[in-house]
PDB file of N, CA and C in Angstrom:
ATOM      1  N   MET A   1      14.717  25.406  14.137  1.00  0.00           N
ATOM      2  CA  MET A   1      13.298  25.228  13.947  1.00  0.00           C
ATOM      3  C   MET A   1      12.732  24.548  15.193  1.00  0.00           C
ATOM      4  N   GLU A   2      11.656  25.086  15.684  1.00  0.00           N
ATOM      5  CA  GLU A   2      11.006  24.510  16.865  1.00  0.00           C
ATOM      6  C   GLU A   2      10.341  23.191  16.487  1.00  0.00           C
ATOM      7  N   LYS A   3      10.450  22.226  17.354  1.00  0.00           N
ATOM      8  CA  LYS A   3       9.877  20.909  17.085  1.00  0.00           C
ATOM      9  C   LYS A   3       8.785  20.593  18.089  1.00  0.00           C
ATOM     10  N   GLN A   4       7.899  19.697  17.674  1.00  0.00           N
ATOM     11  CA  GLN A   4       6.822  19.246  18.544  1.00  0.00           C
ATOM     12  C   GLN A   4       6.701  17.739  18.387  1.00  0.00           C
ATOM     13  N   ASN A   5       6.545  17.059  19.474  1.00  0.00           N
ATOM     14  CA  ASN A   5       6.371  15.609  19.437  1.00  0.00           C
ATOM     15  C   ASN A   5       4.955  15.264  19.003  1.00  0.00           C
ATOM     16  N   VAL A   6       4.836  14.162  18.262  1.00  0.00           N
ATOM     17  CA  VAL A   6       3.526  13.656  17.853  1.00  0.00           C
ATOM     18  C   VAL A   6       3.490  12.155  18.133  1.00  0.00           C
ATOM     19  N   THR A   7       2.299  11.635  18.238  1.00  0.00           N
ATOM     20  CA  THR A   7       2.113  10.201  18.433  1.00  0.00           C
ATOM     21  C   THR A   7       1.460   9.637  17.184  1.00  0.00           C
ATOM     22  N   LEU A   8       2.027   8.559  16.660  1.00  0.00           N
ATOM     23  CA  LEU A   8       1.486   7.912  15.467  1.00  0.00           C
ATOM     24  C   LEU A   8       1.033   6.500  15.802  1.00  0.00           C
ATOM     25  N   SER A   9       0.015   6.060  15.118  1.00  0.00           N
ATOM     26  CA  SER A   9      -0.401   4.664  15.204  1.00  0.00           C
ATOM     27  C   SER A   9      -0.145   4.044  13.839  1.00  0.00           C
ATOM     28  N   LEU A  10       0.768   3.096  13.800  1.00  0.00           N
ATOM     29  CA  LEU A  10       1.123   2.434  12.548  1.00  0.00           C
ATOM     30  C   LEU A  10       0.903   0.936  12.685  1.00  0.00           C
ATOM     31  N   PRO A  11       0.574   0.280  11.582  1.00  0.00           N
ATOM     32  CA  PRO A  11       0.530  -1.182  11.632  1.00  0.00           C
ATOM     33  C   PRO A  11       1.910  -1.717  12.037  1.00  0.00           C
ATOM     34  N   LYS A  12       1.929  -2.784  12.817  1.00  0.00           N
ATOM     35  CA  LYS A  12       3.189  -3.316  13.341  1.00  0.00           C
ATOM     36  C   LYS A  12       4.180  -3.659  12.232  1.00  0.00           C
ATOM     37  N   GLU A  13       3.694  -4.264  11.171  1.00  0.00           N
ATOM     38  CA  GLU A  13       4.588  -4.656  10.077  1.00  0.00           C
ATOM     39  C   GLU A  13       5.171  -3.426   9.380  1.00  0.00           C
ATOM     40  N   THR A  14       4.376  -2.404   9.208  1.00  0.00           N
ATOM     41  CA  THR A  14       4.871  -1.162   8.610  1.00  0.00           C
ATOM     42  C   THR A  14       5.942  -0.537   9.495  1.00  0.00           C
ATOM     43  N   LEU A  15       5.701  -0.520  10.773  1.00  0.00           N
ATOM     44  CA  LEU A  15       6.675   0.030  11.717  1.00  0.00           C
ATOM     45  C   LEU A  15       7.974  -0.772  11.681  1.00  0.00           C
ATOM     46  N   ARG A  16       7.864  -2.082  11.632  1.00  0.00           N
ATOM     47  CA  ARG A  16       9.055  -2.939  11.573  1.00  0.00           C
ATOM     48  C   ARG A  16       9.878  -2.628  10.328  1.00  0.00           C
ATOM     49  N   LYS A  17       9.202  -2.530   9.179  1.00  0.00           N
ATOM     50  CA  LYS A  17       9.896  -2.241   7.922  1.00  0.00           C
ATOM     51  C   LYS A  17      10.498  -0.840   7.931  1.00  0.00           C
ATOM     52  N   ALA A  18       9.794   0.106   8.514  1.00  0.00           N
ATOM     53  CA  ALA A  18      10.310   1.476   8.592  1.00  0.00           C
ATOM     54  C   ALA A  18      11.562   1.533   9.461  1.00  0.00           C
ATOM     55  N   ARG A  19      11.566   0.795  10.556  1.00  0.00           N
ATOM     56  CA  ARG A  19      12.757   0.752  11.421  1.00  0.00           C
ATOM     57  C   ARG A  19      13.945   0.151  10.672  1.00  0.00           C
ATOM     58  N   LEU A  20      13.693  -0.920   9.924  1.00  0.00           N
ATOM     59  CA  LEU A  20      14.765  -1.533   9.134  1.00  0.00           C
ATOM     60  C   LEU A  20      15.292  -0.561   8.081  1.00  0.00           C
ATOM     61  N   LEU A  21      14.399   0.154   7.448  1.00  0.00           N
ATOM     62  CA  LEU A  21      14.800   1.138   6.445  1.00  0.00           C
ATOM     63  C   LEU A  21      15.647   2.240   7.074  1.00  0.00           C
ATOM     64  N   ALA A  22      15.262   2.683   8.238  1.00  0.00           N
ATOM     65  CA  ALA A  22      16.035   3.713   8.941  1.00  0.00           C
ATOM     66  C   ALA A  22      17.434   3.196   9.264  1.00  0.00           C
ATOM     67  N   VAL A  23      17.537   1.949   9.704  1.00  0.00           N
ATOM     68  CA  VAL A  23      18.849   1.358  10.003  1.00  0.00           C
ATOM     69  C   VAL A  23      19.691   1.290   8.733  1.00  0.00           C
ATOM     70  N   GLU A  24      19.089   0.862   7.623  1.00  0.00           N
ATOM     71  CA  GLU A  24      19.805   0.787   6.345  1.00  0.00           C
ATOM     72  C   GLU A  24      20.328   2.153   5.919  1.00  0.00           C
ATOM     73  N   ARG A  25      19.591   3.195   6.229  1.00  0.00           N
ATOM     74  CA  ARG A  25      19.991   4.560   5.854  1.00  0.00           C
ATOM     75  C   ARG A  25      20.828   5.232   6.941  1.00  0.00           C
ATOM     76  N   ASN A  26      21.144   4.460   7.974  1.00  0.00           N
ATOM     77  CA  ASN A  26      21.969   4.962   9.074  1.00  0.00           C
ATOM     78  C   ASN A  26      21.373   6.224   9.702  1.00  0.00           C
ATOM     79  N   THR A  27      20.088   6.167   9.977  1.00  0.00           N
ATOM     80  CA  THR A  27      19.389   7.298  10.583  1.00  0.00           C
ATOM     81  C   THR A  27      18.365   6.770  11.585  1.00  0.00           C
ATOM     82  N   SER A  28      17.742   7.653  12.287  1.00  0.00           N
ATOM     83  CA  SER A  28      16.697   7.244  13.235  1.00  0.00           C
ATOM     84  C   SER A  28      15.355   7.184  12.514  1.00  0.00           C
ATOM     85  N   LEU A  29      14.428   6.491  13.119  1.00  0.00           N
ATOM     86  CA  LEU A  29      13.079   6.428  12.565  1.00  0.00           C
ATOM     87  C   LEU A  29      12.470   7.825  12.516  1.00  0.00           C
ATOM     88  N   SER A  30      12.695   8.595  13.554  1.00  0.00           N
ATOM     89  CA  SER A  30      12.173   9.961  13.601  1.00  0.00           C
ATOM     90  C   SER A  30      12.730  10.799  12.449  1.00  0.00           C
ATOM     91  N   SER A  31      14.032  10.713  12.219  1.00  0.00           N
ATOM     92  CA  SER A  31      14.654  11.482  11.132  1.00  0.00           C
ATOM     93  C   SER A  31      14.136  11.030   9.769  1.00  0.00           C
ATOM     94  N   LEU A  32      13.940   9.732   9.624  1.00  0.00           N
ATOM     95  CA  LEU A  32      13.407   9.201   8.373  1.00  0.00           C
ATOM     96  C   LEU A  32      12.017   9.762   8.104  1.00  0.00           C
ATOM     97  N   LEU A  33      11.168   9.769   9.126  1.00  0.00           N
ATOM     98  CA  LEU A  33       9.811  10.295   8.964  1.00  0.00           C
ATOM     99  C   LEU A  33       9.824  11.796   8.686  1.00  0.00           C
ATOM    100  N   VAL A  34      10.707  12.529   9.357  1.00  0.00           N
ATOM    101  CA  VAL A  34      10.820  13.969   9.103  1.00  0.00           C
ATOM    102  C   VAL A  34      11.188  14.207   7.646  1.00  0.00           C
ATOM    103  N   GLU A  35      12.167  13.461   7.152  1.00  0.00           N
ATOM    104  CA  GLU A  35      12.614  13.610   5.762  1.00  0.00           C
ATOM    105  C   GLU A  35      11.468  13.359   4.781  1.00  0.00           C
ATOM    106  N   ILE A  36      10.723  12.306   5.015  1.00  0.00           N
ATOM    107  CA  ILE A  36       9.623  11.948   4.115  1.00  0.00           C
ATOM    108  C   ILE A  36       8.510  12.993   4.171  1.00  0.00           C
ATOM    109  N   ILE A  37       8.148  13.422   5.355  1.00  0.00           N
ATOM    110  CA  ILE A  37       7.075  14.419   5.494  1.00  0.00           C
ATOM    111  C   ILE A  37       7.497  15.752   4.889  1.00  0.00           C
ATOM    112  N   GLU A  38       8.755  16.154   5.104  1.00  0.00           N
ATOM    113  CA  GLU A  38       9.237  17.409   4.512  1.00  0.00           C
ATOM    114  C   GLU A  38       9.208  17.346   2.993  1.00  0.00           C
ATOM    115  N   GLU A  39       9.536  16.191   2.426  1.00  0.00           N
ATOM    116  CA  GLU A  39       9.496  16.021   0.974  1.00  0.00           C
ATOM    117  C   GLU A  39       8.062  16.159   0.451  1.00  0.00           C
ATOM    118  N   ILE A  40       7.121  15.552   1.136  1.00  0.00           N
ATOM    119  CA  ILE A  40       5.715  15.634   0.728  1.00  0.00           C
ATOM    120  C   ILE A  40       5.221  17.077   0.800  1.00  0.00           C
ATOM    121  N   VAL A  41       5.561  17.772   1.879  1.00  0.00           N
ATOM    122  CA  VAL A  41       5.133  19.163   2.051  1.00  0.00           C
ATOM    123  C   VAL A  41       5.761  20.052   0.982  1.00  0.00           C
ATOM    124  N   ALA A  42       7.041  19.841   0.681  1.00  0.00           N
ATOM    125  CA  ALA A  42       7.723  20.640  -0.345  1.00  0.00           C
ATOM    126  C   ALA A  42       7.068  20.435  -1.708  1.00  0.00           C
ATOM    127  N   LYS A  43       6.721  19.204  -2.036  1.00  0.00           N
ATOM    128  CA  LYS A  43       6.054  18.924  -3.315  1.00  0.00           C
ATOM    129  C   LYS A  43       4.682  19.590  -3.369  1.00  0.00           C
ATOM    130  N   ALA A  44       3.955  19.553  -2.273  1.00  0.00           N
ATOM    131  CA  ALA A  44       2.634  20.189  -2.231  1.00  0.00           C
ATOM    132  C   ALA A  44       2.764  21.700  -2.389  1.00  0.00           C
ATOM    133  N   ASP A  45       3.769  22.299  -1.743  1.00  0.00           N
ATOM    134  CA  ASP A  45       4.001  23.743  -1.876  1.00  0.00           C
ATOM    135  C   ASP A  45       4.358  24.107  -3.313  1.00  0.00           C
ATOM    136  N   ALA A  46       5.237  23.311  -3.934  1.00  0.00           N
ATOM    137  CA  ALA A  46       5.637  23.571  -5.322  1.00  0.00           C
ATOM    138  C   ALA A  46       4.441  23.450  -6.259  1.00  0.00           C
ATOM    139  N   TYR A  47       3.587  22.470  -6.014  1.00  0.00           N
ATOM    140  CA  TYR A  47       2.390  22.294  -6.835  1.00  0.00           C
ATOM    141  C   TYR A  47       1.479  23.514  -6.723  1.00  0.00           C
ATOM    142  N   GLU A  48       1.268  23.986  -5.504  1.00  0.00           N
ATOM    143  CA  GLU A  48       0.400  25.152  -5.298  1.00  0.00           C
ATOM    144  C   GLU A  48       0.956  26.389  -5.997  1.00  0.00           C
ATOM    145  N   LEU A  49       2.269  26.601  -5.918  1.00  0.00           N
ATOM    146  CA  LEU A  49       2.884  27.745  -6.601  1.00  0.00           C
ATOM    147  C   LEU A  49       2.706  27.634  -8.112  1.00  0.00           C
ATOM    148  N   ALA A  50       2.932  26.445  -8.656  1.00  0.00           N
ATOM    149  CA  ALA A  50       2.768  26.239 -10.094  1.00  0.00           C
ATOM    150  C   ALA A  50       1.318  26.463 -10.506  1.00  0.00           C
ATOM    151  N   LYS A  51       0.390  25.981  -9.692  1.00  0.00           N
ATOM    152  CA  LYS A  51      -1.036  26.164  -9.990  1.00  0.00           C
ATOM    153  C   LYS A  51      -1.400  27.645  -9.994  1.00  0.00           C
ATOM    154  N   GLU A  52      -0.911  28.387  -9.003  1.00  0.00           N
ATOM    155  CA  GLU A  52      -1.193  29.823  -8.939  1.00  0.00           C
ATOM    156  C   GLU A  52      -0.619  30.558 -10.146  1.00  0.00           C
ATOM    157  N   ARG A  53       0.615  30.190 -10.560  1.00  0.00           N
ATOM    158  CA  ARG A  53       1.220  30.816 -11.745  1.00  0.00           C
ATOM    159  C   ARG A  53       0.382  30.546 -12.989  1.00  0.00           C
ATOM    160  N   GLN A  54      -0.050  29.312 -13.153  1.00  0.00           N
ATOM    161  CA  GLN A  54      -0.824  28.960 -14.341  1.00  0.00           C
ATOM    162  C   GLN A  54      -2.194  29.626 -14.338  1.00  0.00           C
ATOM    163  N   LEU A  55      -2.832  29.708 -13.189  1.00  0.00           N
ATOM    164  CA  LEU A  55      -4.126  30.397 -13.112  1.00  0.00           C
ATOM    165  C   LEU A  55      -3.966  31.876 -13.433  1.00  0.00           C
ATOM    166  N   ALA A  56      -2.872  32.489 -12.974  1.00  0.00           N
ATOM    167  CA  ALA A  56      -2.617  33.897 -13.281  1.00  0.00           C
ATOM    168  C   ALA A  56      -2.418  34.079 -14.780  1.00  0.00           C
ATOM    169  N   LEU A  57      -1.692  33.165 -15.420  1.00  0.00           N
ATOM    170  CA  LEU A  57      -1.497  33.244 -16.873  1.00  0.00           C
ATOM    171  C   LEU A  57      -2.820  33.083 -17.616  1.00  0.00           C
ATOM    172  N   MET A  58      -3.666  32.179 -17.143  1.00  0.00           N
ATOM    173  CA  MET A  58      -4.956  31.979 -17.802  1.00  0.00           C
ATOM    174  C   MET A  58      -5.838  33.206 -17.638  1.00  0.00           C
ATOM    175  N   ASN A  59      -5.815  33.836 -16.462  1.00  0.00           N
ATOM    176  CA  ASN A  59      -6.607  35.050 -16.250  1.00  0.00           C
ATOM    177  C   ASN A  59      -6.104  36.201 -17.102  1.00  0.00           C
ATOM    178  N   GLN A  60      -4.795  36.232 -17.322  1.00  0.00           N
ATOM    179  CA  GLN A  60      -4.188  37.280 -18.145  1.00  0.00           C
ATOM    180  C   GLN A  60      -4.570  37.095 -19.609  1.00  0.00           C
ATOM    181  N   GLY A  61      -4.706  35.863 -20.035  1.00  0.00           N
ATOM    182  CA  GLY A  61      -5.051  35.574 -21.416  1.00  0.00           C
ATOM    183  C   GLY A  61      -3.817  35.494 -22.292  1.00  0.00           C
ATOM    184  N   PHE A  62      -4.019  35.085 -23.535  1.00  0.00           N
ATOM    185  CA  PHE A  62      -2.927  34.928 -24.478  1.00  0.00           C
ATOM    186  C   PHE A  62      -3.105  35.893 -25.642  1.00  0.00           C
ATOM    187  N   ASN A  63      -1.998  36.394 -26.146  1.00  0.00           N
ATOM    188  CA  ASN A  63      -2.027  37.266 -27.311  1.00  0.00           C
ATOM    189  C   ASN A  63      -2.125  36.392 -28.552  1.00  0.00           C
ATOM    190  N   LEU A  64      -3.267  36.428 -29.201  1.00  0.00           N
ATOM    191  CA  LEU A  64      -3.475  35.643 -30.413  1.00  0.00           C
ATOM    192  C   LEU A  64      -3.156  36.449 -31.665  1.00  0.00           C
ATOM    193  N   GLY A  65      -2.713  37.671 -31.484  1.00  0.00           N
ATOM    194  CA  GLY A  65      -2.336  38.508 -32.612  1.00  0.00           C
ATOM    195  C   GLY A  65      -3.518  39.127 -33.335  1.00  0.00           C
ATOM    196  N   THR A  66      -4.689  39.130 -32.727  1.00  0.00           N
ATOM    197  CA  THR A  66      -5.876  39.669 -33.391  1.00  0.00           C
ATOM    198  C   THR A  66      -6.285  41.017 -32.822  1.00  0.00           C
ATOM    199  N   GLY A  67      -5.601  41.466 -31.791  1.00  0.00           N
ATOM    200  CA  GLY A  67      -5.985  42.715 -31.145  1.00  0.00           C
ATOM    201  C   GLY A  67      -7.343  42.612 -30.471  1.00  0.00           C
ATOM    202  N   GLY A  68      -7.787  41.407 -30.190  1.00  0.00           N
ATOM    203  CA  GLY A  68      -9.053  41.202 -29.512  1.00  0.00           C
ATOM    204  C   GLY A  68     -10.254  41.198 -30.442  1.00  0.00           C
ATOM    205  N   LYS A  69     -10.012  41.254 -31.752  1.00  0.00           N
ATOM    206  CA  LYS A  69     -11.114  41.274 -32.717  1.00  0.00           C
ATOM    207  C   LYS A  69     -10.970  40.107 -33.686  1.00  0.00           C
ATOM    208  N   ALA A  70     -12.067  39.439 -33.933  1.00  0.00           N
ATOM    209  CA  ALA A  70     -12.067  38.363 -34.914  1.00  0.00           C
ATOM    210  C   ALA A  70     -12.122  38.982 -36.302  1.00  0.00           C
ATOM    211  N   THR A  71     -11.204  38.568 -37.162  1.00  0.00           N
ATOM    212  CA  THR A  71     -11.161  39.117 -38.526  1.00  0.00           C
ATOM    213  C   THR A  71     -11.773  38.137 -39.516  1.00  0.00           C
ATOM    214  N   TRP A  72     -12.555  37.207 -39.034  1.00  0.00           N
ATOM    215  CA  TRP A  72     -13.182  36.204 -39.862  1.00  0.00           C
ATOM    216  C   TRP A  72     -14.610  35.993 -39.384  1.00  0.00           C
ATOM    217  N   THR A  73     -15.383  35.397 -40.241  1.00  0.00           N
ATOM    218  CA  THR A  73     -16.762  35.083 -39.874  1.00  0.00           C
ATOM    219  C   THR A  73     -16.870  33.584 -39.595  1.00  0.00           C
ATOM    220  N   ARG A  74     -17.967  33.227 -38.988  1.00  0.00           N
ATOM    221  CA  ARG A  74     -18.196  31.812 -38.701  1.00  0.00           C
ATOM    222  C   ARG A  74     -18.254  31.022 -39.999  1.00  0.00           C
ATOM    223  N   ASP A  75     -18.926  31.575 -41.000  1.00  0.00           N
ATOM    224  CA  ASP A  75     -19.039  30.886 -42.291  1.00  0.00           C
ATOM    225  C   ASP A  75     -17.667  30.675 -42.922  1.00  0.00           C
ATOM    226  N   GLU A  76     -16.789  31.673 -42.825  1.00  0.00           N
ATOM    227  CA  GLU A  76     -15.440  31.528 -43.385  1.00  0.00           C
ATOM    228  C   GLU A  76     -14.678  30.395 -42.693  1.00  0.00           C
ATOM    229  N   LEU A  77     -14.864  30.272 -41.412  1.00  0.00           N
ATOM    230  CA  LEU A  77     -14.174  29.215 -40.686  1.00  0.00           C
ATOM    231  C   LEU A  77     -14.675  27.827 -41.070  1.00  0.00           C
ATOM    232  N   HIS A  78     -15.951  27.737 -41.468  1.00  0.00           N
ATOM    233  CA  HIS A  78     -16.542  26.437 -41.779  1.00  0.00           C
ATOM    234  C   HIS A  78     -16.627  26.168 -43.275  1.00  0.00           C
ATOM    235  N   GLU A  79     -15.993  27.005 -44.105  1.00  0.00           N
ATOM    236  CA  GLU A  79     -15.979  26.758 -45.550  1.00  0.00           C
ATOM    237  C   GLU A  79     -15.213  25.486 -45.847  1.00  0.00           C
ATOM    238  N   ARG A  80     -15.661  24.804 -46.882  1.00  0.00           N
ATOM    239  CA  ARG A  80     -14.946  23.586 -47.303  1.00  0.00           C
ATOM    240  C   ARG A  80     -14.403  23.763 -48.669  1.00  0.00           C
TER     241      ARG A  80
END
């Protein structure tokens, strides 16, 4: 995969903690950030796919077993 360098501006304390976290995980700061960003992108992609599937199902509609015709009247539904 082709890579491109980017420049980030982070608060100093956040950067310090991120470096410590990378050391704890025995990885580089760059690798840690790549892992986190890839996870976020994967979740966003999965969400979009799920949303598209659900919208397609809603557009298709559900079989209510009525053949598209109501076999009752409004009054029948509201009888007590």
